[in-house]
Amino acid sequence: MKFMKLEKLLKAMIVLVITAFMWGCGGGGGGAPSTPATPATSLTIVSSGGGQYSVQGNNLNGVAALEFNLVYDSSTLSSPTVTQGDYISGALFESNALTPGTISFYLVSTTPFSGTGQIAKVSFAEHTGTPAVTVTAVKMYNLKGDPI
C-alpha cells in the first residue's frame, strides 16, 4: 500500500514539474536548422563483480525526467541497496526496492542532462552464481514533457 502511494506521489510530482517547465518555455521559432542525429539515448548495466552494479545513462542529451525498472533474479541476488549516481546529482531521485526481483527508479531534474554518466549504483548484500540484471520499462522525457 505504501509503495502504491509513493509511486502515485512520484508520478504526480514528475507531471507537476514537467508542466511547470512547459509554462515557462517560449515558442521561439526561426532557429538554426537541426543538427545531425546524435547517438542513441539508452541505459545500460555494468557489473563490477561481487554483487555491485552500475546503471549507466548513455547520450542523455535533453533528458529531464526518467523512469525505469531494474529487474534481477531474486533467487541469486537479494537485499539491494541503491545509491544515487554522481551524474544526476541535483536531480530529485527516488528508488523502490520493496518488490523482490524489481527495483523501480524515478528522477526529475530542472536542468536537462547532457552526455553520459552513472545514474545509480546497486549493491546486493547477498549474491550467488552469475545473475542476470537488466533494465526494463524505460521512459524518458524532455523539459516540455515530451517522450524521448
C-alpha atoms as a PDB file:
ATOM      1  CA  MET A   1       0.000   0.000   0.000  1.00  0.00           C
ATOM      2  CA  LYS A   2       2.799   2.420   0.869  1.00  0.00           C
ATOM      3  CA  PHE A   3       4.534   1.602  -2.432  1.00  0.00           C
ATOM      4  CA  MET A   4       1.401   2.463  -4.403  1.00  0.00           C
ATOM      5  CA  LYS A   5       1.068   5.802  -2.596  1.00  0.00           C
ATOM      6  CA  LEU A   6       4.771   6.567  -3.164  1.00  0.00           C
ATOM      7  CA  GLU A   7       4.538   5.628  -6.832  1.00  0.00           C
ATOM      8  CA  LYS A   8       1.435   7.826  -7.320  1.00  0.00           C
ATOM      9  CA  LEU A   9       3.109  10.701  -5.468  1.00  0.00           C
ATOM     10  CA  LEU A  10       6.285  10.456  -7.565  1.00  0.00           C
ATOM     11  CA  LYS A  11       4.332  10.297 -10.826  1.00  0.00           C
ATOM     12  CA  ALA A  12       2.288  13.316  -9.772  1.00  0.00           C
ATOM     13  CA  MET A  13       5.497  15.200  -8.878  1.00  0.00           C
ATOM     14  CA  ILE A  14       7.005  14.386 -12.276  1.00  0.00           C
ATOM     15  CA  VAL A  15       3.897  15.640 -14.081  1.00  0.00           C
ATOM     16  CA  LEU A  16       3.829  18.841 -11.992  1.00  0.00           C
ATOM     17  CA  VAL A  17       7.494  19.618 -12.569  1.00  0.00           C
ATOM     18  CA  ILE A  18       7.239  18.980 -16.303  1.00  0.00           C
ATOM     19  CA  THR A  19       4.041  21.067 -16.534  1.00  0.00           C
ATOM     20  CA  ALA A  20       5.698  23.948 -14.675  1.00  0.00           C
ATOM     21  CA  PHE A  21       8.555  23.934 -17.159  1.00  0.00           C
ATOM     22  CA  MET A  22       6.173  23.831 -20.089  1.00  0.00           C
ATOM     23  CA  TRP A  23       4.592  27.114 -18.941  1.00  0.00           C
ATOM     24  CA  GLY A  24       7.983  28.803 -18.948  1.00  0.00           C
ATOM     25  CA  CYS A  25       9.053  27.592 -22.389  1.00  0.00           C
ATOM     26  CA  GLY A  26       8.597  30.070 -25.250  1.00  0.00           C
ATOM     27  CA  GLY A  27       7.708  29.251 -28.833  1.00  0.00           C
ATOM     28  CA  GLY A  28      10.959  30.683 -30.151  1.00  0.00           C
ATOM     29  CA  GLY A  29      10.851  29.707 -33.803  1.00  0.00           C
ATOM     30  CA  GLY A  30      13.123  30.792 -36.582  1.00  0.00           C
ATOM     31  CA  GLY A  31      16.140  28.989 -35.125  1.00  0.00           C
ATOM     32  CA  ALA A  32      19.033  27.395 -36.913  1.00  0.00           C
ATOM     33  CA  PRO A  33      18.480  24.200 -38.890  1.00  0.00           C
ATOM     34  CA  SER A  34      18.546  20.996 -36.890  1.00  0.00           C
ATOM     35  CA  THR A  35      21.847  19.296 -36.234  1.00  0.00           C
ATOM     36  CA  PRO A  36      22.692  15.755 -37.334  1.00  0.00           C
ATOM     37  CA  ALA A  37      21.314  12.911 -35.230  1.00  0.00           C
ATOM     38  CA  THR A  38      23.213  12.056 -32.065  1.00  0.00           C
ATOM     39  CA  PRO A  39      23.949   8.515 -30.886  1.00  0.00           C
ATOM     40  CA  ALA A  40      21.009   6.655 -29.347  1.00  0.00           C
ATOM     41  CA  THR A  41      19.895   7.515 -25.836  1.00  0.00           C
ATOM     42  CA  SER A  42      19.977   4.397 -23.657  1.00  0.00           C
ATOM     43  CA  LEU A  43      20.546   2.852 -20.231  1.00  0.00           C
ATOM     44  CA  THR A  44      22.973   0.011 -19.618  1.00  0.00           C
ATOM     45  CA  ILE A  45      24.019  -2.117 -16.643  1.00  0.00           C
ATOM     46  CA  VAL A  46      27.701  -2.505 -15.806  1.00  0.00           C
ATOM     47  CA  SER A  47      28.750  -5.207 -13.326  1.00  0.00           C
ATOM     48  CA  SER A  48      31.689  -4.522 -11.042  1.00  0.00           C
ATOM     49  CA  GLY A  49      31.529  -8.035  -9.589  1.00  0.00           C
ATOM     50  CA  GLY A  50      30.688  -9.067  -6.052  1.00  0.00           C
ATOM     51  CA  GLY A  51      27.030  -8.081  -6.363  1.00  0.00           C
ATOM     52  CA  GLN A  52      27.876  -4.498  -7.424  1.00  0.00           C
ATOM     53  CA  TYR A  53      26.148  -2.945 -10.454  1.00  0.00           C
ATOM     54  CA  SER A  54      26.096   0.484 -12.045  1.00  0.00           C
ATOM     55  CA  VAL A  55      23.230   1.922 -14.096  1.00  0.00           C
ATOM     56  CA  GLN A  56      24.824   3.964 -16.864  1.00  0.00           C
ATOM     57  CA  GLY A  57      22.957   6.633 -18.836  1.00  0.00           C
ATOM     58  CA  ASN A  58      24.250   6.962 -22.394  1.00  0.00           C
ATOM     59  CA  ASN A  59      23.769  10.097 -24.521  1.00  0.00           C
ATOM     60  CA  LEU A  60      21.057  11.506 -22.243  1.00  0.00           C
ATOM     61  CA  ASN A  61      21.153  14.840 -24.067  1.00  0.00           C
ATOM     62  CA  GLY A  62      17.942  16.753 -23.324  1.00  0.00           C
ATOM     63  CA  VAL A  63      16.544  14.203 -20.853  1.00  0.00           C
ATOM     64  CA  ALA A  64      14.969  15.917 -17.811  1.00  0.00           C
ATOM     65  CA  ALA A  65      12.852  13.077 -16.363  1.00  0.00           C
ATOM     66  CA  LEU A  66      13.478   9.355 -16.314  1.00  0.00           C
ATOM     67  CA  GLU A  67      11.590   6.301 -15.090  1.00  0.00           C
ATOM     68  CA  PHE A  68      12.767   2.683 -15.381  1.00  0.00           C
ATOM     69  CA  ASN A  69      12.950  -0.694 -13.656  1.00  0.00           C
ATOM     70  CA  LEU A  70      15.981  -2.806 -12.893  1.00  0.00           C
ATOM     71  CA  VAL A  71      14.985  -6.489 -12.986  1.00  0.00           C
ATOM     72  CA  TYR A  72      17.086  -9.179 -11.332  1.00  0.00           C
ATOM     73  CA  ASP A  73      16.854 -12.839 -10.355  1.00  0.00           C
ATOM     74  CA  SER A  74      15.795 -12.781  -6.705  1.00  0.00           C
ATOM     75  CA  SER A  75      16.973 -16.383  -6.241  1.00  0.00           C
ATOM     76  CA  THR A  76      20.592 -15.310  -6.873  1.00  0.00           C
ATOM     77  CA  LEU A  77      20.522 -11.685  -5.677  1.00  0.00           C
ATOM     78  CA  SER A  78      18.851 -10.161  -2.623  1.00  0.00           C
ATOM     79  CA  SER A  79      18.904  -7.261  -0.176  1.00  0.00           C
ATOM     80  CA  PRO A  80      19.645  -4.470  -2.679  1.00  0.00           C
ATOM     81  CA  THR A  81      20.943  -1.055  -1.637  1.00  0.00           C
ATOM     82  CA  VAL A  82      20.588   1.832  -4.104  1.00  0.00           C
ATOM     83  CA  THR A  83      22.785   4.944  -4.220  1.00  0.00           C
ATOM     84  CA  GLN A  84      22.257   7.954  -6.488  1.00  0.00           C
ATOM     85  CA  GLY A  85      24.981   8.369  -9.112  1.00  0.00           C
ATOM     86  CA  ASP A  86      27.137  11.488  -9.393  1.00  0.00           C
ATOM     87  CA  TYR A  87      25.946  12.157 -12.954  1.00  0.00           C
ATOM     88  CA  ILE A  88      22.439  13.017 -11.718  1.00  0.00           C
ATOM     89  CA  SER A  89      23.419  14.936  -8.587  1.00  0.00           C
ATOM     90  CA  GLY A  90      20.929  17.728  -8.024  1.00  0.00           C
ATOM     91  CA  ALA A  91      18.041  15.743  -9.509  1.00  0.00           C
ATOM     92  CA  LEU A  92      15.044  14.575  -7.489  1.00  0.00           C
ATOM     93  CA  PHE A  93      15.810  10.850  -7.224  1.00  0.00           C
ATOM     94  CA  GLU A  94      13.777   8.022  -5.752  1.00  0.00           C
ATOM     95  CA  SER A  95      14.014   4.244  -5.928  1.00  0.00           C
ATOM     96  CA  ASN A  96      11.804   1.466  -4.640  1.00  0.00           C
ATOM     97  CA  ALA A  97      13.251  -1.985  -3.931  1.00  0.00           C
ATOM     98  CA  LEU A  98      10.352  -3.412  -1.921  1.00  0.00           C
ATOM     99  CA  THR A  99       9.365  -5.987  -4.561  1.00  0.00           C
ATOM    100  CA  PRO A 100      11.932  -8.820  -4.787  1.00  0.00           C
ATOM    101  CA  GLY A 101      13.249  -9.042  -8.338  1.00  0.00           C
ATOM    102  CA  THR A 102      12.469  -5.435  -9.311  1.00  0.00           C
ATOM    103  CA  ILE A 103      13.813  -2.026  -8.358  1.00  0.00           C
ATOM    104  CA  SER A 104      11.881   0.978  -9.688  1.00  0.00           C
ATOM    105  CA  PHE A 105      13.695   4.264 -10.321  1.00  0.00           C
ATOM    106  CA  TYR A 106      12.265   7.771 -10.771  1.00  0.00           C
ATOM    107  CA  LEU A 107      14.160  11.013 -11.311  1.00  0.00           C
ATOM    108  CA  VAL A 108      13.397  14.572 -12.375  1.00  0.00           C
ATOM    109  CA  SER A 109      15.796  17.445 -12.985  1.00  0.00           C
ATOM    110  CA  THR A 110      15.185  21.148 -13.571  1.00  0.00           C
ATOM    111  CA  THR A 111      18.154  21.120 -15.951  1.00  0.00           C
ATOM    112  CA  PRO A 112      18.280  18.569 -18.771  1.00  0.00           C
ATOM    113  CA  PHE A 113      21.149  16.116 -18.687  1.00  0.00           C
ATOM    114  CA  SER A 114      23.895  16.228 -21.278  1.00  0.00           C
ATOM    115  CA  GLY A 115      26.141  13.321 -22.143  1.00  0.00           C
ATOM    116  CA  THR A 116      26.848  10.046 -20.408  1.00  0.00           C
ATOM    117  CA  GLY A 117      27.292   9.079 -16.758  1.00  0.00           C
ATOM    118  CA  GLN A 118      26.356   6.943 -13.771  1.00  0.00           C
ATOM    119  CA  ILE A 119      22.711   7.239 -12.739  1.00  0.00           C
ATOM    120  CA  ALA A 120      22.772   4.819  -9.819  1.00  0.00           C
ATOM    121  CA  LYS A 121      24.790   2.167  -8.002  1.00  0.00           C
ATOM    122  CA  VAL A 122      23.073  -1.005  -6.835  1.00  0.00           C
ATOM    123  CA  SER A 123      24.734  -3.308  -4.301  1.00  0.00           C
ATOM    124  CA  PHE A 124      23.281  -6.674  -3.381  1.00  0.00           C
ATOM    125  CA  ALA A 125      24.202  -7.893   0.109  1.00  0.00           C
ATOM    126  CA  GLU A 126      23.581 -11.490  -0.925  1.00  0.00           C
ATOM    127  CA  HIS A 127      24.686 -12.813  -4.325  1.00  0.00           C
ATOM    128  CA  THR A 128      25.385 -16.246  -5.774  1.00  0.00           C
ATOM    129  CA  GLY A 129      26.142 -17.650  -9.203  1.00  0.00           C
ATOM    130  CA  THR A 130      26.120 -15.490 -12.312  1.00  0.00           C
ATOM    131  CA  PRO A 131      22.951 -13.447 -12.008  1.00  0.00           C
ATOM    132  CA  ALA A 132      21.315 -11.539 -14.851  1.00  0.00           C
ATOM    133  CA  VAL A 133      20.403  -7.892 -14.252  1.00  0.00           C
ATOM    134  CA  THR A 134      18.511  -5.916 -16.917  1.00  0.00           C
ATOM    135  CA  VAL A 135      16.841  -2.544 -17.392  1.00  0.00           C
ATOM    136  CA  THR A 136      13.188  -2.542 -18.486  1.00  0.00           C
ATOM    137  CA  ALA A 137      10.238  -0.172 -18.917  1.00  0.00           C
ATOM    138  CA  VAL A 138      12.423   2.853 -19.683  1.00  0.00           C
ATOM    139  CA  LYS A 139      10.573   6.157 -20.092  1.00  0.00           C
ATOM    140  CA  MET A 140      12.456   9.397 -20.796  1.00  0.00           C
ATOM    141  CA  TYR A 141      11.073  12.932 -21.098  1.00  0.00           C
ATOM    142  CA  ASN A 142      12.416  16.364 -22.028  1.00  0.00           C
ATOM    143  CA  LEU A 143      11.597  19.597 -20.155  1.00  0.00           C
ATOM    144  CA  LYS A 144       8.405  20.033 -22.173  1.00  0.00           C
ATOM    145  CA  GLY A 145       7.184  16.617 -21.039  1.00  0.00           C
ATOM    146  CA  ASP A 146       7.608  15.105 -24.483  1.00  0.00           C
ATOM    147  CA  PRO A 147       8.778  11.468 -24.609  1.00  0.00           C
ATOM    148  CA  ILE A 148      12.311  10.954 -25.870  1.00  0.00           C
END
